[in-house]
């Protein structure tokens, strides 16, 4: 039976180790720099150049729409890509693998704690850490926009952007726990994550060029959070409307519009995100529970 007290003790133990790692402070510095660039500089630079422009949602870009600028200029290309790998992947890559590599798994399991409590406690710490990063990053982007170009509109986007960032981080962290359950090196886990992320990104680009964006792509692992950033603005502006995607008709040699309701697109993305987080976690625990421990 899972004990919350013991799970929380493991989480505090994991946080102690994370605070001793140089990579943790590298990530903190990176997201502070990114929040300055995307929250403070981008609204000034792009707010002037596209103030009169209109995007495909019918939204006129302006200085007060911090979230529109962030979504289309930064988040899809950075937060759900490199930043997600750094925050979700690097922080979780050696969480399990290093315990086996250093041999510290033996004294850990000699404590009155089960493997389930150890596994759950470690991931709980990652969840809380990544949630804090998501909240503070979005808060700093908003504060930067407020400071650089004035009052910002539609603050109801704040929790939704946090959700999308948090989801991206969780996907990489869950995969890191899965690979860390059988890989005995944090570097190996990180290498697998980089290769997997690169492979999926390239595959999606090639498929998108060849067949156009299809609704089924919303279910692709590691792409869900990126699509979530695209779906959220539609849901805010016209929740009961439709999204027009480009689809390819095999044999016809041409693209045709594929109409997807905004609600169904959001449901697809959230379902895919849930599966891509829960699936690797469950599989990872199964492997971790059966892993041999050598003194």
Foldseek 3Di string as FASTA:
>chain_A
DADPVLLQVLLVVLVVVLVPDPLNVVLVVVLVVVLLCLQAVQLVVVQVVQQQPADPLRDRRHLQASLVSCLVPPCLVDLLAVSLCSLQPLSQQCLQLQCQVVLVVVVVCVPPDDLVSNLSSNVVNSLVVQLVSLLVSLVSSQVNSCVRRHHHPDCVCRVLSSVLSSLSNLLNNLQSLLVSLPHNDSVVSSVVSVVVSVVVVVVVVVCCVVFWDDLLVCLDRSCLSSVSSVLVVCCVSPVQAWDWTWGHDPPVGDIDTDIGGSPVSNVNSVVSSVCSNVVSNVNSSVSNNPDDRDD
